[in-house]
C-alpha atoms as a PDB file:
ATOM      1  CA  MET A   1       8.188  29.641 -22.540  1.00  0.00           C
ATOM      2  CA  PHE A   2       6.895  26.188 -23.610  1.00  0.00           C
ATOM      3  CA  MET A   3       3.392  26.154 -25.081  1.00  0.00           C
ATOM      4  CA  GLU A   4       2.937  22.867 -26.984  1.00  0.00           C
ATOM      5  CA  ALA A   5       4.686  20.303 -29.168  1.00  0.00           C
ATOM      6  CA  HIS A   6       3.692  17.726 -31.795  1.00  0.00           C
ATOM      7  CA  SER A   7       5.792  14.652 -32.563  1.00  0.00           C
ATOM      8  CA  TYR A   8       4.887  11.332 -34.212  1.00  0.00           C
ATOM      9  CA  ASP A   9       1.155  12.024 -33.726  1.00  0.00           C
ATOM     10  CA  ASN A  10       1.726  12.730 -30.014  1.00  0.00           C
ATOM     11  CA  PHE A  11       0.713  16.071 -28.548  1.00  0.00           C
ATOM     12  CA  VAL A  12       2.331  17.690 -25.501  1.00  0.00           C
ATOM     13  CA  GLU A  13       0.927  20.823 -23.902  1.00  0.00           C
ATOM     14  CA  ARG A  14       1.577  22.939 -20.870  1.00  0.00           C
ATOM     15  CA  SER A  15      -1.017  22.625 -18.128  1.00  0.00           C
ATOM     16  CA  GLU A  16      -1.317  24.271 -14.734  1.00  0.00           C
ATOM     17  CA  GLY A  17       1.551  22.967 -12.625  1.00  0.00           C
ATOM     18  CA  GLY A  18       3.170  20.830 -15.338  1.00  0.00           C
ATOM     19  CA  VAL A  19       2.708  19.238 -18.739  1.00  0.00           C
ATOM     20  CA  ARG A  20       0.293  16.780 -20.330  1.00  0.00           C
ATOM     21  CA  GLY A  21       1.042  14.417 -23.206  1.00  0.00           C
ATOM     22  CA  ILE A  22      -1.650  12.806 -25.349  1.00  0.00           C
ATOM     23  CA  ARG A  23      -0.857   9.736 -27.450  1.00  0.00           C
ATOM     24  CA  PRO A  24      -2.697   8.937 -30.699  1.00  0.00           C
ATOM     25  CA  ASP A  25      -4.618   6.136 -28.926  1.00  0.00           C
ATOM     26  CA  GLY A  26      -6.063   8.624 -26.403  1.00  0.00           C
ATOM     27  CA  VAL A  27      -3.807   7.775 -23.469  1.00  0.00           C
ATOM     28  CA  THR A  28      -3.062  10.903 -21.437  1.00  0.00           C
ATOM     29  CA  ILE A  29       0.082  11.227 -19.325  1.00  0.00           C
ATOM     30  CA  SER A  30       0.142  14.183 -16.944  1.00  0.00           C
ATOM     31  CA  MET A  31       3.188  15.339 -14.989  1.00  0.00           C
ATOM     32  CA  ILE A  32       1.953  17.929 -12.503  1.00  0.00           C
ATOM     33  CA  ASP A  33       3.853  19.089  -9.428  1.00  0.00           C
ATOM     34  CA  GLY A  34       6.059  15.984  -9.532  1.00  0.00           C
ATOM     35  CA  ASP A  35       3.158  13.499  -9.726  1.00  0.00           C
ATOM     36  CA  ILE A  36       2.599  11.362 -12.821  1.00  0.00           C
ATOM     37  CA  THR A  37      -0.921  10.273 -13.784  1.00  0.00           C
ATOM     38  CA  ILE A  38      -1.841   7.983 -16.688  1.00  0.00           C
ATOM     39  CA  GLU A  39      -5.446   8.036 -17.920  1.00  0.00           C
ATOM     40  CA  ASN A  40      -7.340   6.081 -20.572  1.00  0.00           C
ATOM     41  CA  LEU A  41      -4.688   3.352 -20.687  1.00  0.00           C
ATOM     42  CA  ILE A  42      -5.902  -0.034 -21.874  1.00  0.00           C
ATOM     43  CA  PRO A  43      -2.911  -2.397 -22.013  1.00  0.00           C
ATOM     44  CA  LYS A  44      -2.596  -5.161 -24.580  1.00  0.00           C
ATOM     45  CA  SER A  45      -2.129  -7.706 -21.787  1.00  0.00           C
ATOM     46  CA  VAL A  46      -1.709  -7.878 -18.003  1.00  0.00           C
ATOM     47  CA  GLY A  47       0.741 -10.141 -16.199  1.00  0.00           C
ATOM     48  CA  ILE A  48       1.655 -10.809 -12.562  1.00  0.00           C
ATOM     49  CA  ARG A  49       5.249 -10.070 -11.514  1.00  0.00           C
ATOM     50  CA  ASP A  50       5.280 -12.569  -8.634  1.00  0.00           C
ATOM     51  CA  ILE A  51       2.458 -15.097  -8.284  1.00  0.00           C
ATOM     52  CA  SER A  52       3.379 -15.662  -4.616  1.00  0.00           C
ATOM     53  CA  GLU A  53       1.944 -12.167  -3.878  1.00  0.00           C
ATOM     54  CA  ILE A  54      -1.566 -13.351  -4.871  1.00  0.00           C
ATOM     55  CA  GLU A  55      -3.809 -14.406  -1.983  1.00  0.00           C
ATOM     56  CA  SER A  56      -6.864 -15.295  -4.071  1.00  0.00           C
ATOM     57  CA  LEU A  57      -8.116 -15.341  -7.649  1.00  0.00           C
ATOM     58  CA  ALA A  58     -11.750 -15.278  -8.732  1.00  0.00           C
ATOM     59  CA  VAL A  59     -13.182 -15.296 -12.243  1.00  0.00           C
ATOM     60  CA  ARG A  60     -16.692 -14.215 -13.112  1.00  0.00           C
ATOM     61  CA  THR A  61     -18.580 -13.374 -16.291  1.00  0.00           C
ATOM     62  CA  ALA A  62     -20.841 -10.330 -16.696  1.00  0.00           C
ATOM     63  CA  ASP A  63     -22.366  -9.077 -19.960  1.00  0.00           C
ATOM     64  CA  GLN A  64     -20.097 -11.292 -22.092  1.00  0.00           C
ATOM     65  CA  THR A  65     -17.038  -9.942 -20.274  1.00  0.00           C
ATOM     66  CA  ARG A  66     -14.738 -12.179 -18.237  1.00  0.00           C
ATOM     67  CA  ILE A  67     -13.464 -10.420 -15.102  1.00  0.00           C
ATOM     68  CA  TYR A  68     -10.404 -11.677 -13.223  1.00  0.00           C
ATOM     69  CA  ARG A  69     -10.070 -10.413  -9.647  1.00  0.00           C
ATOM     70  CA  MET A  70      -6.859 -10.953  -7.747  1.00  0.00           C
ATOM     71  CA  ASP A  71      -6.404 -10.054  -4.088  1.00  0.00           C
ATOM     72  CA  PHE A  72      -2.858  -9.496  -2.848  1.00  0.00           C
ATOM     73  CA  PHE A  73      -1.459 -10.635   0.498  1.00  0.00           C
ATOM     74  CA  ASP A  74      -1.237  -7.652   2.896  1.00  0.00           C
ATOM     75  CA  GLY A  75      -4.022  -5.802   1.033  1.00  0.00           C
ATOM     76  CA  GLY A  76      -4.669  -4.469  -2.414  1.00  0.00           C
ATOM     77  CA  ASP A  77      -6.525  -5.929  -5.361  1.00  0.00           C
ATOM     78  CA  ILE A  78      -6.831  -5.692  -9.117  1.00  0.00           C
ATOM     79  CA  GLU A  79      -9.590  -6.527 -11.583  1.00  0.00           C
ATOM     80  CA  VAL A  80      -8.888  -7.119 -15.263  1.00  0.00           C
ATOM     81  CA  ALA A  81     -11.828  -7.271 -17.685  1.00  0.00           C
ATOM     82  CA  HIS A  82     -11.452  -9.190 -20.966  1.00  0.00           C
ATOM     83  CA  SER A  83     -13.772  -9.302 -23.962  1.00  0.00           C
ATOM     84  CA  GLN A  84     -14.757 -12.655 -25.455  1.00  0.00           C
ATOM     85  CA  ASP A  85     -11.965 -12.336 -28.035  1.00  0.00           C
ATOM     86  CA  GLY A  86      -9.344 -11.887 -25.277  1.00  0.00           C
ATOM     87  CA  GLN A  87      -8.815  -8.124 -25.534  1.00  0.00           C
ATOM     88  CA  VAL A  88      -8.289  -6.207 -22.291  1.00  0.00           C
ATOM     89  CA  LYS A  89     -11.264  -3.890 -21.766  1.00  0.00           C
ATOM     90  CA  GLY A  90     -10.202  -2.331 -18.485  1.00  0.00           C
ATOM     91  CA  VAL A  91      -8.047  -2.543 -15.379  1.00  0.00           C
ATOM     92  CA  THR A  92      -9.078  -1.256 -11.955  1.00  0.00           C
ATOM     93  CA  GLY A  93      -7.815  -1.790  -8.444  1.00  0.00           C
ATOM     94  CA  ARG A  94      -6.217  -0.321  -5.370  1.00  0.00           C
ATOM     95  CA  ASN A  95      -2.801  -0.518  -3.775  1.00  0.00           C
ATOM     96  CA  PHE A  96      -0.926  -2.143  -6.646  1.00  0.00           C
ATOM     97  CA  ASN A  97       2.117  -1.253  -8.727  1.00  0.00           C
ATOM     98  CA  GLN A  98       2.186  -1.386 -12.502  1.00  0.00           C
ATOM     99  CA  THR A  99       5.001  -1.420 -15.019  1.00  0.00           C
ATOM    100  CA  LEU A 100       4.195  -0.823 -18.669  1.00  0.00           C
ATOM    101  CA  ASN A 101       6.638  -1.970 -21.350  1.00  0.00           C
ATOM    102  CA  GLN A 102       7.093  -0.569 -24.843  1.00  0.00           C
ATOM    103  CA  ASN A 103       4.653  -3.162 -26.257  1.00  0.00           C
ATOM    104  CA  ASN A 104       1.846  -1.833 -24.027  1.00  0.00           C
ATOM    105  CA  GLU A 105       1.956  -4.911 -21.780  1.00  0.00           C
ATOM    106  CA  ALA A 106       1.313  -4.239 -18.068  1.00  0.00           C
ATOM    107  CA  ILE A 107       3.034  -6.187 -15.287  1.00  0.00           C
ATOM    108  CA  VAL A 108       1.382  -5.728 -11.886  1.00  0.00           C
ATOM    109  CA  SER A 109       2.542  -6.414  -8.347  1.00  0.00           C
ATOM    110  CA  ARG A 110       1.439  -5.805  -4.774  1.00  0.00           C
ATOM    111  CA  GLY A 111       1.583  -2.151  -3.715  1.00  0.00           C
ATOM    112  CA  HIS A 112       2.766  -0.659  -0.479  1.00  0.00           C
ATOM    113  CA  SER A 113      -0.008   1.116   1.391  1.00  0.00           C
ATOM    114  CA  ALA A 114       0.692   3.749   4.033  1.00  0.00           C
ATOM    115  CA  ASN A 115      -0.308   1.330   6.792  1.00  0.00           C
ATOM    116  CA  HIS A 116       1.730  -1.598   5.444  1.00  0.00           C
ATOM    117  CA  GLN A 117       3.864  -3.141   8.208  1.00  0.00           C
ATOM    118  CA  ALA A 118       7.357  -4.298   7.387  1.00  0.00           C
ATOM    119  CA  HIS A 119       8.369  -7.755   8.678  1.00  0.00           C
END
């Protein structure tokens, strides 16, 4: 019966319904009942897979943070906050897909909501 594991400063433990892994940088990856959740992830950079999916882009500044908001065609949006020195401070949004590479760089694209109509 699996209880926990430690490897390369990563910690994996059993949780109700699955397992949870914690990286040294605080990122938590939970696999519970077939669903995967990633928490506390701040990527090094964020890129757009296909710029033709972007309907609009707005940039604003708040409290010395530059915030890029992109709205996707057919719904969905993403906001990426950057510090003055160019570091990603946070990523939020709805109905988008994200791929994370081994260098902690996120590539985002339009998601597929339940009410999305195929053409």
